[in-house]
PDB file of all heavy atoms in Angstrom:
ATOM      1  N   ASN A   1      95.216   1.530  59.811  1.00  0.00           N
ATOM      2  CA  ASN A   1      94.039   2.341  59.505  1.00  0.00           C
ATOM      3  C   ASN A   1      93.480   3.171  60.702  1.00  0.00           C
ATOM      4  O   ASN A   1      92.682   4.086  60.557  1.00  0.00           O
ATOM      5  CB  ASN A   1      92.942   1.518  58.938  1.00  0.00           C
ATOM      6  CG  ASN A   1      93.239   0.866  57.606  1.00  0.00           C
ATOM      7  OD1 ASN A   1      93.994   1.487  56.840  1.00  0.00           O
ATOM      8  ND2 ASN A   1      92.697  -0.247  57.293  1.00  0.00           N
ATOM      9  N   GLY A   2      93.843   2.808  61.920  1.00  0.00           N
ATOM     10  CA  GLY A   2      93.224   3.376  63.035  1.00  0.00           C
ATOM     11  C   GLY A   2      94.126   3.716  64.242  1.00  0.00           C
ATOM     12  O   GLY A   2      95.130   3.042  64.414  1.00  0.00           O
ATOM     13  N   THR A   3      93.807   4.724  64.941  1.00  0.00           N
ATOM     14  CA  THR A   3      94.607   5.084  66.189  1.00  0.00           C
ATOM     15  C   THR A   3      93.655   5.617  67.256  1.00  0.00           C
ATOM     16  O   THR A   3      92.625   6.218  66.935  1.00  0.00           O
ATOM     17  CB  THR A   3      95.646   6.184  65.925  1.00  0.00           C
ATOM     18  OG1 THR A   3      94.931   7.384  65.433  1.00  0.00           O
ATOM     19  CG2 THR A   3      96.671   5.772  64.907  1.00  0.00           C
ATOM     20  N   VAL A   4      94.013   5.319  68.460  1.00  0.00           N
ATOM     21  CA  VAL A   4      93.343   5.853  69.651  1.00  0.00           C
ATOM     22  C   VAL A   4      94.395   6.499  70.548  1.00  0.00           C
ATOM     23  O   VAL A   4      95.389   5.825  70.814  1.00  0.00           O
ATOM     24  CB  VAL A   4      92.518   4.799  70.427  1.00  0.00           C
ATOM     25  CG1 VAL A   4      91.915   5.382  71.690  1.00  0.00           C
ATOM     26  CG2 VAL A   4      91.465   4.215  69.544  1.00  0.00           C
ATOM     27  N   ARG A   5      94.134   7.696  71.042  1.00  0.00           N
ATOM     28  CA  ARG A   5      95.138   8.341  71.869  1.00  0.00           C
ATOM     29  C   ARG A   5      94.418   8.938  73.117  1.00  0.00           C
ATOM     30  O   ARG A   5      93.304   9.470  72.926  1.00  0.00           O
ATOM     31  CB  ARG A   5      95.888   9.429  71.093  1.00  0.00           C
ATOM     32  CG  ARG A   5      96.840  10.246  72.001  1.00  0.00           C
ATOM     33  CD  ARG A   5      97.805  11.089  71.271  1.00  0.00           C
ATOM     34  NE  ARG A   5      98.646  11.870  72.093  1.00  0.00           N
ATOM     35  CZ  ARG A   5      99.807  12.354  71.844  1.00  0.00           C
ATOM     36  NH1 ARG A   5     100.320  12.096  70.597  1.00  0.00           N
ATOM     37  NH2 ARG A   5     100.503  13.030  72.707  1.00  0.00           N
ATOM     38  N   ALA A   6      95.075   8.882  74.217  1.00  0.00           N
ATOM     39  CA  ALA A   6      94.575   9.501  75.427  1.00  0.00           C
ATOM     40  C   ALA A   6      95.645  10.220  76.134  1.00  0.00           C
ATOM     41  O   ALA A   6      96.804   9.654  76.322  1.00  0.00           O
ATOM     42  CB  ALA A   6      93.902   8.513  76.315  1.00  0.00           C
ATOM     43  N   ASP A   7      95.450  11.452  76.608  1.00  0.00           N
ATOM     44  CA  ASP A   7      96.430  12.240  77.382  1.00  0.00           C
ATOM     45  C   ASP A   7      95.713  12.799  78.577  1.00  0.00           C
ATOM     46  O   ASP A   7      94.624  13.357  78.524  1.00  0.00           O
ATOM     47  CB  ASP A   7      96.967  13.395  76.542  1.00  0.00           C
ATOM     48  CG  ASP A   7      97.746  12.964  75.366  1.00  0.00           C
ATOM     49  OD1 ASP A   7      98.890  12.586  75.551  1.00  0.00           O
ATOM     50  OD2 ASP A   7      97.100  12.953  74.185  1.00  0.00           O
ATOM     51  N   TYR A   8      96.404  12.691  79.744  1.00  0.00           N
ATOM     52  CA  TYR A   8      95.915  13.340  80.965  1.00  0.00           C
ATOM     53  C   TYR A   8      96.805  14.589  81.240  1.00  0.00           C
ATOM     54  O   TYR A   8      98.074  14.465  81.233  1.00  0.00           O
ATOM     55  CB  TYR A   8      95.972  12.388  82.163  1.00  0.00           C
ATOM     56  CG  TYR A   8      95.241  12.957  83.342  1.00  0.00           C
ATOM     57  CD1 TYR A   8      93.917  12.832  83.508  1.00  0.00           C
ATOM     58  CD2 TYR A   8      95.953  13.641  84.335  1.00  0.00           C
ATOM     59  CE1 TYR A   8      93.217  13.359  84.613  1.00  0.00           C
ATOM     60  CE2 TYR A   8      95.327  14.220  85.414  1.00  0.00           C
ATOM     61  CZ  TYR A   8      93.928  14.073  85.543  1.00  0.00           C
ATOM     62  OH  TYR A   8      93.289  14.615  86.610  1.00  0.00           O
ATOM     63  N   VAL A   9      96.153  15.705  81.473  1.00  0.00           N
ATOM     64  CA  VAL A   9      96.842  16.948  81.625  1.00  0.00           C
ATOM     65  C   VAL A   9      96.510  17.603  82.963  1.00  0.00           C
ATOM     66  O   VAL A   9      95.318  17.673  83.325  1.00  0.00           O
ATOM     67  CB  VAL A   9      96.473  17.955  80.500  1.00  0.00           C
ATOM     68  CG1 VAL A   9      97.230  19.283  80.723  1.00  0.00           C
ATOM     69  CG2 VAL A   9      96.775  17.363  79.129  1.00  0.00           C
ATOM     70  N   HIS A  10      97.540  17.974  83.709  1.00  0.00           N
ATOM     71  CA  HIS A  10      97.325  18.738  84.974  1.00  0.00           C
ATOM     72  C   HIS A  10      98.094  20.049  84.843  1.00  0.00           C
ATOM     73  O   HIS A  10      99.251  20.033  84.504  1.00  0.00           O
ATOM     74  CB  HIS A  10      97.833  17.941  86.174  1.00  0.00           C
ATOM     75  CG  HIS A  10      97.733  18.707  87.454  1.00  0.00           C
ATOM     76  ND1 HIS A  10      96.573  18.883  88.144  1.00  0.00           N
ATOM     77  CD2 HIS A  10      98.673  19.349  88.180  1.00  0.00           C
ATOM     78  CE1 HIS A  10      96.787  19.591  89.222  1.00  0.00           C
ATOM     79  NE2 HIS A  10      98.054  19.914  89.250  1.00  0.00           N
ATOM     80  N   ARG A  11      97.383  21.183  85.140  1.00  0.00           N
ATOM     81  CA  ARG A  11      98.017  22.473  84.884  1.00  0.00           C
ATOM     82  C   ARG A  11      97.674  23.355  86.066  1.00  0.00           C
ATOM     83  O   ARG A  11      96.485  23.483  86.432  1.00  0.00           O
ATOM     84  CB  ARG A  11      97.523  23.033  83.606  1.00  0.00           C
ATOM     85  CG  ARG A  11      98.170  24.355  83.179  1.00  0.00           C
ATOM     86  CD  ARG A  11      97.536  24.864  81.919  1.00  0.00           C
ATOM     87  NE  ARG A  11      97.583  23.930  80.770  1.00  0.00           N
ATOM     88  CZ  ARG A  11      96.556  23.550  80.106  1.00  0.00           C
ATOM     89  NH1 ARG A  11      95.364  24.021  80.343  1.00  0.00           N
ATOM     90  NH2 ARG A  11      96.656  22.626  79.125  1.00  0.00           N
ATOM     91  N   GLU A  12      98.683  24.031  86.616  1.00  0.00           N
ATOM     92  CA  GLU A  12      98.441  25.016  87.732  1.00  0.00           C
ATOM     93  C   GLU A  12      99.115  26.331  87.338  1.00  0.00           C
ATOM     94  O   GLU A  12     100.297  26.347  86.948  1.00  0.00           O
ATOM     95  CB  GLU A  12      99.059  24.490  89.018  1.00  0.00           C
ATOM     96  CG  GLU A  12      98.344  23.331  89.571  1.00  0.00           C
ATOM     97  CD  GLU A  12      98.919  22.877  90.941  1.00  0.00           C
ATOM     98  OE1 GLU A  12      99.751  23.710  91.462  1.00  0.00           O
ATOM     99  OE2 GLU A  12      98.549  21.841  91.467  1.00  0.00           O
ATOM    100  N   ALA A  13      98.333  27.429  87.379  1.00  0.00           N
ATOM    101  CA  ALA A  13      98.835  28.737  87.043  1.00  0.00           C
ATOM    102  C   ALA A  13      99.435  29.469  88.257  1.00  0.00           C
ATOM    103  O   ALA A  13      99.024  29.228  89.397  1.00  0.00           O
ATOM    104  CB  ALA A  13      97.701  29.621  86.481  1.00  0.00           C
ATOM    105  N   HIS A  14     100.360  30.315  88.002  1.00  0.00           N
ATOM    106  CA  HIS A  14     101.084  31.077  89.080  1.00  0.00           C
ATOM    107  C   HIS A  14     101.411  32.463  88.585  1.00  0.00           C
ATOM    108  O   HIS A  14     101.288  32.850  87.449  1.00  0.00           O
ATOM    109  CB  HIS A  14     102.377  30.338  89.420  1.00  0.00           C
ATOM    110  CG  HIS A  14     102.206  28.915  89.907  1.00  0.00           C
ATOM    111  ND1 HIS A  14     101.806  28.617  91.147  1.00  0.00           N
ATOM    112  CD2 HIS A  14     102.314  27.733  89.225  1.00  0.00           C
ATOM    113  CE1 HIS A  14     101.731  27.334  91.277  1.00  0.00           C
ATOM    114  NE2 HIS A  14     102.074  26.745  90.070  1.00  0.00           N
ATOM    115  N   ASP A  15     101.894  33.277  89.570  1.00  0.00           N
ATOM    116  CA  ASP A  15     102.356  34.652  89.373  1.00  0.00           C
ATOM    117  C   ASP A  15     101.222  35.527  88.781  1.00  0.00           C
ATOM    118  O   ASP A  15     101.465  36.242  87.777  1.00  0.00           O
ATOM    119  CB  ASP A  15     103.584  34.716  88.498  1.00  0.00           C
ATOM    120  CG  ASP A  15     104.856  34.501  89.348  1.00  0.00           C
ATOM    121  OD1 ASP A  15     104.795  34.518  90.572  1.00  0.00           O
ATOM    122  OD2 ASP A  15     105.955  34.358  88.701  1.00  0.00           O
ATOM    123  N   PHE A  16     100.048  35.412  89.309  1.00  0.00           N
ATOM    124  CA  PHE A  16      98.924  36.245  88.831  1.00  0.00           C
ATOM    125  C   PHE A  16      99.235  37.736  89.098  1.00  0.00           C
ATOM    126  O   PHE A  16      99.908  38.059  90.047  1.00  0.00           O
ATOM    127  CB  PHE A  16      97.644  35.851  89.560  1.00  0.00           C
ATOM    128  CG  PHE A  16      97.323  34.383  89.514  1.00  0.00           C
ATOM    129  CD1 PHE A  16      97.679  33.596  90.630  1.00  0.00           C
ATOM    130  CD2 PHE A  16      96.697  33.816  88.435  1.00  0.00           C
ATOM    131  CE1 PHE A  16      97.417  32.228  90.604  1.00  0.00           C
ATOM    132  CE2 PHE A  16      96.431  32.464  88.384  1.00  0.00           C
ATOM    133  CZ  PHE A  16      96.820  31.661  89.481  1.00  0.00           C
ATOM    134  N   TYR A  17      98.612  38.604  88.280  1.00  0.00           N
ATOM    135  CA  TYR A  17      98.736  40.059  88.578  1.00  0.00           C
ATOM    136  C   TYR A  17      97.692  40.406  89.572  1.00  0.00           C
ATOM    137  O   TYR A  17      96.595  39.897  89.614  1.00  0.00           O
ATOM    138  CB  TYR A  17      98.449  40.865  87.250  1.00  0.00           C
ATOM    139  CG  TYR A  17      99.446  40.647  86.179  1.00  0.00           C
ATOM    140  CD1 TYR A  17      99.021  40.444  84.840  1.00  0.00           C
ATOM    141  CD2 TYR A  17     100.804  40.657  86.435  1.00  0.00           C
ATOM    142  CE1 TYR A  17      99.940  40.321  83.782  1.00  0.00           C
ATOM    143  CE2 TYR A  17     101.733  40.487  85.407  1.00  0.00           C
ATOM    144  CZ  TYR A  17     101.292  40.315  84.079  1.00  0.00           C
ATOM    145  OH  TYR A  17     102.203  40.120  83.105  1.00  0.00           O
ATOM    146  N   ALA A  18      98.118  41.287  90.488  1.00  0.00           N
ATOM    147  CA  ALA A  18      97.197  41.777  91.534  1.00  0.00           C
ATOM    148  C   ALA A  18      97.524  43.234  91.952  1.00  0.00           C
ATOM    149  O   ALA A  18      98.691  43.641  91.746  1.00  0.00           O
ATOM    150  CB  ALA A  18      97.272  40.890  92.780  1.00  0.00           C
ATOM    151  N   VAL A  19      96.513  43.947  92.392  1.00  0.00           N
ATOM    152  CA  VAL A  19      96.741  45.325  92.892  1.00  0.00           C
ATOM    153  C   VAL A  19      96.726  45.243  94.415  1.00  0.00           C
ATOM    154  O   VAL A  19      95.727  44.802  95.018  1.00  0.00           O
ATOM    155  CB  VAL A  19      95.616  46.274  92.395  1.00  0.00           C
ATOM    156  CG1 VAL A  19      95.842  47.645  92.932  1.00  0.00           C
ATOM    157  CG2 VAL A  19      95.623  46.307  90.862  1.00  0.00           C
ATOM    158  N   LYS A  20      97.791  45.607  95.019  1.00  0.00           N
ATOM    159  CA  LYS A  20      97.970  45.615  96.479  1.00  0.00           C
ATOM    160  C   LYS A  20      97.786  46.974  97.078  1.00  0.00           C
ATOM    161  O   LYS A  20      98.557  47.945  96.726  1.00  0.00           O
ATOM    162  CB  LYS A  20      99.317  45.023  96.875  1.00  0.00           C
ATOM    163  CG  LYS A  20      99.545  44.962  98.386  1.00  0.00           C
ATOM    164  CD  LYS A  20     100.985  44.438  98.635  1.00  0.00           C
ATOM    165  CE  LYS A  20     101.286  44.427 100.156  1.00  0.00           C
ATOM    166  NZ  LYS A  20     102.626  43.986 100.449  1.00  0.00           N
ATOM    167  N   VAL A  21      96.761  47.166  97.877  1.00  0.00           N
ATOM    168  CA  VAL A  21      96.528  48.430  98.605  1.00  0.00           C
ATOM    169  C   VAL A  21      96.255  48.041 100.083  1.00  0.00           C
ATOM    170  O   VAL A  21      95.227  47.452 100.369  1.00  0.00           O
ATOM    171  CB  VAL A  21      95.348  49.258  98.009  1.00  0.00           C
ATOM    172  CG1 VAL A  21      95.190  50.577  98.815  1.00  0.00           C
ATOM    173  CG2 VAL A  21      95.566  49.550  96.595  1.00  0.00           C
ATOM    174  N   ASP A  22      97.182  48.332 100.929  1.00  0.00           N
ATOM    175  CA  ASP A  22      96.959  48.094 102.381  1.00  0.00           C
ATOM    176  C   ASP A  22      97.662  49.123 103.179  1.00  0.00           C
ATOM    177  O   ASP A  22      98.066  50.207 102.653  1.00  0.00           O
ATOM    178  CB  ASP A  22      97.412  46.669 102.710  1.00  0.00           C
ATOM    179  CG  ASP A  22      98.903  46.416 102.415  1.00  0.00           C
ATOM    180  OD1 ASP A  22      99.723  47.393 102.351  1.00  0.00           O
ATOM    181  OD2 ASP A  22      99.252  45.251 102.194  1.00  0.00           O
ATOM    182  N   GLN A  23      97.847  48.875 104.499  1.00  0.00           N
ATOM    183  CA  GLN A  23      98.392  49.889 105.359  1.00  0.00           C
ATOM    184  C   GLN A  23      99.910  50.092 105.161  1.00  0.00           C
ATOM    185  O   GLN A  23     100.510  50.994 105.698  1.00  0.00           O
ATOM    186  CB  GLN A  23      98.176  49.478 106.827  1.00  0.00           C
ATOM    187  CG  GLN A  23      96.674  49.541 107.221  1.00  0.00           C
ATOM    188  CD  GLN A  23      96.123  50.903 107.136  1.00  0.00           C
ATOM    189  OE1 GLN A  23      96.472  51.797 107.900  1.00  0.00           O
ATOM    190  NE2 GLN A  23      95.305  51.186 106.116  1.00  0.00           N
ATOM    191  N   THR A  24     100.515  49.216 104.364  1.00  0.00           N
ATOM    192  CA  THR A  24     101.957  49.354 104.078  1.00  0.00           C
ATOM    193  C   THR A  24     102.286  50.149 102.840  1.00  0.00           C
ATOM    194  O   THR A  24     103.390  50.601 102.629  1.00  0.00           O
ATOM    195  CB  THR A  24     102.597  47.977 103.963  1.00  0.00           C
ATOM    196  OG1 THR A  24     102.209  47.307 102.817  1.00  0.00           O
ATOM    197  CG2 THR A  24     102.283  47.072 105.166  1.00  0.00           C
ATOM    198  N   THR A  25     101.277  50.361 101.963  1.00  0.00           N
ATOM    199  CA  THR A  25     101.588  50.944 100.633  1.00  0.00           C
ATOM    200  C   THR A  25     101.478  52.482 100.638  1.00  0.00           C
ATOM    201  O   THR A  25     101.975  53.131  99.762  1.00  0.00           O
ATOM    202  CB  THR A  25     100.621  50.417  99.587  1.00  0.00           C
ATOM    203  OG1 THR A  25      99.229  50.615 100.016  1.00  0.00           O
ATOM    204  CG2 THR A  25     100.854  48.963  99.344  1.00  0.00           C
ATOM    205  N   GLY A  26     100.835  53.059 101.727  1.00  0.00           N
ATOM    206  CA  GLY A  26     100.902  54.484 101.911  1.00  0.00           C
ATOM    207  C   GLY A  26      99.897  55.292 101.079  1.00  0.00           C
ATOM    208  O   GLY A  26      98.971  54.755 100.497  1.00  0.00           O
ATOM    209  N   GLN A  27     100.095  56.595 100.986  1.00  0.00           N
ATOM    210  CA  GLN A  27      99.198  57.509 100.289  1.00  0.00           C
ATOM    211  C   GLN A  27      99.980  58.525  99.577  1.00  0.00           C
ATOM    212  O   GLN A  27     101.167  58.788  99.796  1.00  0.00           O
ATOM    213  CB  GLN A  27      98.244  58.197 101.304  1.00  0.00           C
ATOM    214  CG  GLN A  27      97.351  57.257 102.060  1.00  0.00           C
ATOM    215  CD  GLN A  27      96.514  57.942 103.117  1.00  0.00           C
ATOM    216  OE1 GLN A  27      96.774  59.064 103.481  1.00  0.00           O
ATOM    217  NE2 GLN A  27      95.437  57.282 103.521  1.00  0.00           N
ATOM    218  N   VAL A  28      99.329  59.156  98.574  1.00  0.00           N
ATOM    219  CA  VAL A  28      99.950  60.253  97.785  1.00  0.00           C
ATOM    220  C   VAL A  28      98.883  61.374  97.599  1.00  0.00           C
ATOM    221  O   VAL A  28      97.759  61.190  97.849  1.00  0.00           O
ATOM    222  CB  VAL A  28     100.436  59.717  96.372  1.00  0.00           C
ATOM    223  CG1 VAL A  28     101.546  58.738  96.496  1.00  0.00           C
ATOM    224  CG2 VAL A  28      99.226  59.137  95.601  1.00  0.00           C
ATOM    225  N   THR A  29      99.437  62.513  97.132  1.00  0.00           N
ATOM    226  CA  THR A  29      98.566  63.641  96.946  1.00  0.00           C
ATOM    227  C   THR A  29      98.640  64.057  95.483  1.00  0.00           C
ATOM    228  O   THR A  29      99.724  64.179  94.890  1.00  0.00           O
ATOM    229  CB  THR A  29      98.980  64.893  97.769  1.00  0.00           C
ATOM    230  OG1 THR A  29      98.955  64.536  99.193  1.00  0.00           O
ATOM    231  CG2 THR A  29      98.041  66.020  97.593  1.00  0.00           C
ATOM    232  N   ASP A  30      97.454  64.250  94.840  1.00  0.00           N
ATOM    233  CA  ASP A  30      97.430  64.587  93.400  1.00  0.00           C
ATOM    234  C   ASP A  30      97.629  66.108  93.226  1.00  0.00           C
ATOM    235  O   ASP A  30      97.706  66.896  94.219  1.00  0.00           O
ATOM    236  CB  ASP A  30      96.211  64.052  92.729  1.00  0.00           C
ATOM    237  CG  ASP A  30      94.930  64.680  93.227  1.00  0.00           C
ATOM    238  OD1 ASP A  30      94.976  65.745  93.886  1.00  0.00           O
ATOM    239  OD2 ASP A  30      93.855  64.147  92.925  1.00  0.00           O
ATOM    240  N   ASP A  31      97.494  66.554  91.987  1.00  0.00           N
ATOM    241  CA  ASP A  31      97.711  67.989  91.670  1.00  0.00           C
ATOM    242  C   ASP A  31      96.566  68.894  92.199  1.00  0.00           C
ATOM    243  O   ASP A  31      96.746  70.088  92.187  1.00  0.00           O
ATOM    244  CB  ASP A  31      97.874  68.192  90.137  1.00  0.00           C
ATOM    245  CG  ASP A  31      99.141  67.584  89.634  1.00  0.00           C
ATOM    246  OD1 ASP A  31     100.066  67.319  90.469  1.00  0.00           O
ATOM    247  OD2 ASP A  31      99.233  67.278  88.413  1.00  0.00           O
ATOM    248  N   PHE A  32      95.419  68.258  92.575  1.00  0.00           N
ATOM    249  CA  PHE A  32      94.283  69.009  93.084  1.00  0.00           C
ATOM    250  C   PHE A  32      94.272  69.102  94.591  1.00  0.00           C
ATOM    251  O   PHE A  32      93.366  69.635  95.226  1.00  0.00           O
ATOM    252  CB  PHE A  32      92.957  68.444  92.607  1.00  0.00           C
ATOM    253  CG  PHE A  32      92.863  68.426  91.064  1.00  0.00           C
ATOM    254  CD1 PHE A  32      93.099  67.273  90.350  1.00  0.00           C
ATOM    255  CD2 PHE A  32      92.464  69.568  90.399  1.00  0.00           C
ATOM    256  CE1 PHE A  32      93.005  67.263  88.965  1.00  0.00           C
ATOM    257  CE2 PHE A  32      92.378  69.572  88.988  1.00  0.00           C
ATOM    258  CZ  PHE A  32      92.619  68.474  88.295  1.00  0.00           C
ATOM    259  N   GLY A  33      95.347  68.460  95.195  1.00  0.00           N
ATOM    260  CA  GLY A  33      95.388  68.441  96.656  1.00  0.00           C
ATOM    261  C   GLY A  33      94.600  67.313  97.283  1.00  0.00           C
ATOM    262  O   GLY A  33      94.422  67.265  98.495  1.00  0.00           O
TER     263      GLY A  33
END
């Protein structure tokens, strides 16, 4: 008639999205100059 259950969970996320703008990424010029 009865049950007891316990679970321990450990989770780590990786490969997040990020926008990188630094001295290595450079610059561009748009159509308006």
